[in-house]
Amino acid sequence: MKPDVIVAYPLRPRHMEILEDTYTLHRLDLAQGAERDAVLDAAGGIASAMVVNGHVTVDKALLDRLPALRLAACSSAGFDLMDVEEMTRRGVALTNTAPALVDDVADMGLLLTLATRRRLIEADAYVRSGDWGRKGMFPLTTSAAGKRAGIVGLGNLGSAVARRYEALGLEIGYSGRRPKPGVGYRYFPDPVSLAEWADILLVATPGGPETEGLISAAVLEALGPGGSFINIARGTVVDEAALIDALREGRIASAGLDVYLNEPAPDPALTALDNVVLYPHHASGTEETRDRMAQMTLDNLAAFFAGEPLLTRVN
């Protein structure tokens, strides 16, 4: 008999085919209202694994309905809506797919940095509108080479961004809980001191309560009127109201954002600003990376049912 697996969020089509061939699936993702209760009633006592995503809330109320659950295989890097402490207390392992998306998200950090510093979106509009012909040359921007880039969170993602920044000739600094052994970049004990030093401040930390509001009004004030803020982490890590005020009032020069406090409908006060480059939380959104993420989810499930160590356990 095939093991029972709850699907709370689907994988890519060909990976769903593998799931269907390998396991008996209980499609919570397709259920609404009373159907959802029926799926939970039928699967809760027999399904030891569940496929989830960062958009799925896994809290005490859901866990109460899933007494047999021992693995939540998350097909995204983020798991902000999951009560990891409660899952750990109940013996439910959580895996994610963070290693699969490092390169594409780091590339987006680089893209947002260059587009922001060189005012790509404004320049594109300048050409399309005919202003180039009517008003003459677009205003000068600033070079990347020789500038200082501060990275908040020098984990796998932050390190990948740093390597790309080095190729541009940027000087690298970082902040985190503690200095990284064997890392030659300059360490700063907190984001405020890092921002005071930096021309570009990029945040690459996980989301969740521990980092909520980490990029505060004080951090943005320290970054200063020539500084650019880049966010490829989570919208919650920045005080978005303070960011909007700083951009509107010219207390920082610009921002490049892949993530927002309210998704998929960011604050209109933010999207109306012309000194922000916007991307729709899609840094990992390539065919190749999404395939790797789905495959890593399958691999964690396979390891779990084979009694082998999980590939990317979080808790």
Protein backbone atom coordinates (compact mmCIF):
# COMPACT_ATOMS: atom_id res chain seq x y z
CA MET A 1 0.00 0.00 0.00
CA LYS A 2 1.16 3.51 -0.80
CA PRO A 3 1.82 5.87 2.14
CA ASP A 4 -0.80 8.53 2.82
CA VAL A 5 0.24 12.15 2.16
CA ILE A 6 -1.82 15.30 2.56
CA VAL A 7 -1.31 17.92 -0.15
CA ALA A 8 -2.00 21.36 1.29
CA TYR A 9 -0.25 23.11 -1.62
CA PRO A 10 0.45 21.54 -5.02
CA LEU A 11 3.82 20.99 -6.66
CA ARG A 12 4.55 21.58 -10.32
CA PRO A 13 2.53 19.35 -12.69
CA ARG A 14 5.14 16.71 -13.46
CA HIS A 15 6.12 16.52 -9.80
CA MET A 16 2.46 16.12 -8.88
CA GLU A 17 2.36 13.14 -11.24
CA ILE A 18 5.22 11.56 -9.28
CA LEU A 19 3.41 12.28 -6.02
CA GLU A 20 0.26 10.63 -7.36
CA ASP A 21 2.19 7.57 -8.53
CA THR A 22 4.07 7.17 -5.25
CA TYR A 23 1.59 8.07 -2.54
CA THR A 24 -2.10 8.02 -1.69
CA LEU A 25 -2.91 11.73 -1.82
CA HIS A 26 -5.45 13.63 0.23
CA ARG A 27 -6.01 16.91 -1.64
CA LEU A 28 -6.59 19.53 1.02
CA ASP A 29 -5.52 22.15 -1.51
CA LEU A 30 -8.60 21.42 -3.65
CA ALA A 31 -11.10 21.33 -0.78
CA GLN A 32 -13.34 24.15 0.42
CA GLY A 33 -15.64 24.46 3.42
CA ALA A 34 -17.15 21.14 4.46
CA GLU A 35 -14.96 19.30 1.95
CA ARG A 36 -11.89 20.56 3.80
CA ASP A 37 -13.20 19.14 7.07
CA ALA A 38 -13.90 15.84 5.33
CA VAL A 39 -10.32 15.62 4.02
CA LEU A 40 -8.91 16.37 7.46
CA ASP A 41 -11.21 13.84 9.10
CA ALA A 42 -10.25 11.14 6.61
CA ALA A 43 -6.51 11.81 6.51
CA GLY A 44 -5.70 13.24 9.91
CA GLY A 45 -5.25 9.91 11.65
CA ILE A 46 -3.39 8.12 8.88
CA ALA A 47 -1.25 10.64 6.94
CA SER A 48 2.21 11.01 8.44
CA ALA A 49 3.42 13.55 5.85
CA MET A 50 2.06 16.71 4.30
CA VAL A 51 3.20 18.84 1.35
CA VAL A 52 2.94 22.53 2.20
CA ASN A 53 4.22 25.91 1.06
CA GLY A 54 4.97 29.22 2.73
CA HIS A 55 1.43 30.36 1.93
CA VAL A 56 -0.06 27.62 4.13
CA THR A 57 -0.86 28.28 7.79
CA VAL A 58 0.25 25.40 9.97
CA ASP A 59 -0.87 26.30 13.47
CA LYS A 60 -2.09 24.51 16.57
CA ALA A 61 -5.64 24.30 15.21
CA LEU A 62 -4.51 22.46 12.07
CA LEU A 63 -2.04 20.28 13.95
CA ASP A 64 -4.83 19.20 16.28
CA ARG A 65 -6.60 17.75 13.22
CA LEU A 66 -3.46 15.85 12.15
CA PRO A 67 -2.41 13.57 15.01
CA ALA A 68 -0.44 11.21 12.72
CA LEU A 69 1.62 13.97 11.10
CA ARG A 70 5.40 13.65 11.42
CA LEU A 71 6.65 15.62 8.41
CA ALA A 72 5.67 18.89 6.76
CA ALA A 73 7.61 19.09 3.50
CA CYS A 74 7.55 22.75 2.48
CA SER A 75 8.11 23.49 -1.20
CA SER A 76 9.30 27.06 -0.56
CA ALA A 77 12.15 28.61 1.38
CA GLY A 78 9.88 30.64 3.65
CA PHE A 79 7.58 29.21 6.30
CA ASP A 80 6.45 32.39 8.06
CA LEU A 81 2.89 31.15 8.64
CA MET A 82 3.98 27.98 10.41
CA ASP A 83 4.21 27.52 14.17
CA VAL A 84 7.60 25.81 14.13
CA GLU A 85 7.84 25.71 17.92
CA GLU A 86 4.53 23.85 18.19
CA MET A 87 5.48 21.52 15.36
CA THR A 88 8.75 20.70 17.11
CA ARG A 89 6.95 20.09 20.40
CA ARG A 90 4.70 17.56 18.68
CA GLY A 91 7.55 15.80 16.90
CA VAL A 92 6.67 17.12 13.44
CA ALA A 93 9.72 17.71 11.28
CA LEU A 94 9.73 20.67 8.88
CA THR A 95 11.81 20.79 5.71
CA ASN A 96 12.10 23.60 3.18
CA THR A 97 13.77 24.21 -0.18
CA ALA A 98 16.03 27.17 0.59
CA PRO A 99 19.18 25.72 -1.05
CA ALA A 100 17.38 25.30 -4.37
CA LEU A 101 16.67 28.98 -4.91
CA VAL A 102 19.85 30.72 -3.74
CA ASP A 103 21.30 31.53 -7.17
CA ASP A 104 18.16 32.98 -8.74
CA VAL A 105 17.31 35.07 -5.68
CA ALA A 106 20.89 36.32 -5.44
CA ASP A 107 20.74 37.24 -9.14
CA MET A 108 17.59 39.23 -8.40
CA GLY A 109 19.38 41.03 -5.57
CA LEU A 110 22.06 42.02 -8.06
CA LEU A 111 19.49 43.01 -10.69
CA LEU A 112 17.51 45.15 -8.25
CA THR A 113 20.71 46.80 -7.04
CA LEU A 114 21.86 47.81 -10.51
CA ALA A 115 18.37 48.80 -11.69
CA THR A 116 17.92 50.92 -8.58
CA ARG A 117 21.30 52.62 -8.59
CA ARG A 118 21.25 53.29 -12.35
CA ARG A 119 17.54 54.30 -12.32
CA LEU A 120 16.65 51.78 -15.01
CA ILE A 121 12.86 52.05 -14.73
CA GLU A 122 12.90 55.85 -14.80
CA ALA A 123 15.30 55.81 -17.76
CA ASP A 124 13.12 53.33 -19.63
CA ALA A 125 10.12 55.63 -19.17
CA TYR A 126 12.25 58.58 -20.25
CA VAL A 127 12.95 56.92 -23.59
CA ARG A 128 9.41 55.61 -24.15
CA SER A 129 7.74 58.94 -23.37
CA GLY A 130 9.88 60.88 -25.83
CA ASP A 131 11.43 62.97 -23.05
CA TRP A 132 14.90 62.02 -24.27
CA GLY A 133 14.22 63.81 -27.57
CA ARG A 134 12.38 66.72 -25.93
CA LYS A 135 14.49 67.32 -22.85
CA GLY A 136 17.91 65.95 -23.71
CA MET A 137 20.15 63.53 -21.89
CA PHE A 138 18.87 61.67 -18.82
CA PRO A 139 20.45 62.82 -15.51
CA LEU A 140 23.72 61.21 -14.49
CA THR A 141 23.58 58.27 -12.08
CA THR A 142 26.32 56.75 -9.89
CA SER A 143 28.74 53.88 -10.44
CA ALA A 144 28.65 50.64 -8.49
CA ALA A 145 32.40 50.11 -8.44
CA GLY A 146 34.04 51.51 -5.33
CA LYS A 147 30.81 51.80 -3.35
CA ARG A 148 30.06 50.04 -0.06
CA ALA A 149 27.43 47.32 0.12
CA GLY A 150 26.10 46.21 3.48
CA ILE A 151 24.36 42.82 3.67
CA VAL A 152 22.05 42.11 6.59
CA GLY A 153 22.23 38.34 7.03
CA LEU A 154 25.27 36.59 5.57
CA GLY A 155 23.82 33.11 5.25
CA ASN A 156 23.79 31.11 2.02
CA LEU A 157 21.77 33.77 0.21
CA GLY A 158 23.65 36.75 1.60
CA SER A 159 26.97 35.09 0.74
CA ALA A 160 25.81 34.45 -2.83
CA VAL A 161 24.88 38.12 -3.18
CA ALA A 162 28.26 39.12 -1.74
CA ARG A 163 30.09 37.11 -4.40
CA ARG A 164 28.12 38.88 -7.10
CA TYR A 165 28.74 42.26 -5.50
CA GLU A 166 32.47 41.60 -5.36
CA ALA A 167 32.47 41.11 -9.14
CA LEU A 168 31.09 44.66 -9.46
CA GLY A 169 33.94 46.08 -7.43
CA LEU A 170 31.83 46.77 -4.35
CA GLU A 171 33.32 46.74 -0.86
CA ILE A 172 31.34 44.30 1.32
CA GLY A 173 30.25 44.60 4.93
CA TYR A 174 27.69 42.58 6.83
CA SER A 175 25.77 42.28 10.07
CA GLY A 176 24.35 39.27 11.85
CA ARG A 177 24.11 37.66 15.25
CA ARG A 178 27.87 37.10 15.33
CA PRO A 179 30.88 37.33 12.99
CA LYS A 180 31.22 34.51 10.49
CA PRO A 181 34.44 32.51 10.98
CA GLY A 182 36.77 32.65 8.02
CA VAL A 183 34.90 35.55 6.35
CA GLY A 184 37.04 38.49 5.31
CA TYR A 185 34.25 41.03 4.93
CA ARG A 186 33.94 43.76 7.53
CA TYR A 187 31.55 42.86 10.36
CA PHE A 188 29.11 45.25 12.01
CA PRO A 189 27.27 44.31 15.21
CA ASP A 190 23.90 45.75 14.16
CA PRO A 191 22.06 47.05 11.08
CA VAL A 192 22.30 50.71 12.17
CA SER A 193 26.10 50.73 12.22
CA LEU A 194 26.16 48.77 8.95
CA ALA A 195 23.79 51.26 7.31
CA GLU A 196 25.90 54.22 8.48
CA TRP A 197 28.86 52.70 6.63
CA ALA A 198 27.04 51.50 3.50
CA ASP A 199 25.91 53.11 0.25
CA ILE A 200 23.72 50.08 -0.51
CA LEU A 201 21.92 48.07 2.17
CA LEU A 202 20.56 44.67 1.17
CA VAL A 203 18.60 42.43 3.53
CA ALA A 204 18.75 38.65 3.10
CA THR A 205 17.52 37.37 6.46
CA PRO A 206 14.68 34.91 7.05
CA GLY A 207 11.26 36.32 7.88
CA GLY A 208 9.29 35.65 11.03
CA PRO A 209 8.95 37.26 14.48
CA GLU A 210 12.70 37.37 15.17
CA THR A 211 13.39 39.71 12.24
CA GLU A 212 10.14 41.68 12.12
CA GLY A 213 10.90 45.39 11.73
CA LEU A 214 14.65 44.76 11.78
CA ILE A 215 15.14 47.49 9.18
CA SER A 216 13.72 50.29 11.29
CA ALA A 217 13.37 54.03 10.79
CA ALA A 218 16.72 54.40 12.58
CA VAL A 219 18.41 52.04 10.11
CA LEU A 220 17.01 53.93 7.13
CA GLU A 221 18.02 57.26 8.66
CA ALA A 222 21.55 55.91 9.06
CA LEU A 223 21.62 54.81 5.41
CA GLY A 224 21.16 58.43 4.43
CA PRO A 225 20.07 60.48 1.41
CA GLY A 226 22.53 58.83 -0.98
CA GLY A 227 21.71 55.29 0.07
CA SER A 228 19.74 52.52 -1.61
CA PHE A 229 17.78 49.81 0.19
CA ILE A 230 17.31 46.38 -1.43
CA ASN A 231 14.95 43.73 -0.01
CA ILE A 232 15.00 40.12 -1.22
CA ALA A 233 14.03 38.72 2.19
CA ARG A 234 10.48 39.29 3.47
CA GLY A 235 8.30 42.37 3.63
CA THR A 236 8.04 42.00 7.39
CA VAL A 237 11.75 42.66 7.96
CA VAL A 238 11.36 46.36 7.18
CA ASP A 239 9.18 49.03 8.78
CA GLU A 240 7.37 49.72 5.51
CA ALA A 241 5.73 52.95 6.69
CA ALA A 242 9.16 54.27 7.65
CA LEU A 243 10.53 53.15 4.27
CA ILE A 244 7.78 55.00 2.41
CA ASP A 245 8.43 58.16 4.43
CA ALA A 246 12.19 57.94 3.88
CA LEU A 247 11.75 57.50 0.12
CA ARG A 248 9.12 60.21 -0.18
CA GLU A 249 11.14 62.73 1.82
CA GLY A 250 14.48 61.94 0.19
CA ARG A 251 16.06 60.65 3.39
CA ILE A 252 17.21 57.67 1.33
CA ALA A 253 17.74 57.84 -2.40
CA SER A 254 16.01 54.72 -3.66
CA ALA A 255 14.87 51.16 -3.06
CA GLY A 256 14.61 47.90 -4.97
CA LEU A 257 11.99 45.51 -3.63
CA ASP A 258 10.94 41.95 -4.38
CA VAL A 259 8.81 41.62 -1.21
CA TYR A 260 6.19 43.72 0.56
CA LEU A 261 4.24 43.87 3.76
CA ASN A 262 0.94 43.32 1.93
CA GLU A 263 1.11 40.86 -0.94
CA PRO A 264 -0.09 40.75 -3.67
CA ALA A 265 -1.44 44.29 -3.18
CA PRO A 266 1.38 46.49 -1.83
CA ASP A 267 0.63 49.86 -0.26
CA PRO A 268 -0.32 52.34 -3.06
CA ALA A 269 1.78 54.95 -1.29
CA LEU A 270 4.79 52.75 -2.04
CA THR A 271 3.94 51.78 -5.60
CA ALA A 272 3.28 55.43 -6.52
CA LEU A 273 6.88 56.43 -5.82
CA ASP A 274 9.20 56.79 -8.80
CA ASN A 275 12.40 56.09 -6.85
CA VAL A 276 11.49 52.44 -6.22
CA VAL A 277 12.12 49.44 -8.49
CA LEU A 278 9.42 46.82 -7.91
CA TYR A 279 9.34 43.07 -8.55
CA PRO A 280 6.35 40.85 -7.65
CA HIS A 281 7.96 38.48 -5.08
CA HIS A 282 9.22 36.44 -7.98
CA ALA A 283 12.98 36.27 -7.41
CA SER A 284 12.89 32.47 -7.45
CA GLY A 285 10.42 32.45 -10.33
CA THR A 286 12.32 30.56 -13.01
CA GLU A 287 11.41 27.22 -14.52
CA GLU A 288 14.69 25.72 -13.38
CA THR A 289 14.52 26.86 -9.76
CA ARG A 290 10.87 25.95 -9.29
CA ASP A 291 11.67 22.48 -10.66
CA ARG A 292 14.54 22.14 -8.17
CA MET A 293 12.26 23.26 -5.33
CA ALA A 294 9.61 20.72 -6.24
CA GLN A 295 12.20 17.95 -6.60
CA MET A 296 13.71 18.79 -3.22
CA THR A 297 10.25 18.46 -1.68
CA LEU A 298 9.89 15.01 -3.27
CA ASP A 299 13.36 14.04 -2.09
CA ASN A 300 12.56 14.98 1.50
CA LEU A 301 9.39 12.90 1.35
CA ALA A 302 11.30 9.94 -0.08
CA ALA A 303 13.96 10.20 2.64
CA PHE A 304 11.28 10.37 5.33
CA PHE A 305 9.44 7.25 4.19
CA ALA A 306 12.74 5.40 3.69
CA GLY A 307 13.78 6.19 7.26
CA GLU A 308 16.77 8.20 6.03
CA PRO A 309 18.00 11.63 7.23
CA LEU A 310 15.99 14.54 5.85
CA LEU A 311 17.84 16.68 3.31
CA THR A 312 16.87 20.15 4.51
CA ARG A 313 15.38 19.90 7.98
CA VAL A 314 14.54 23.23 9.60
CA ASN A 315 13.65 22.24 13.17
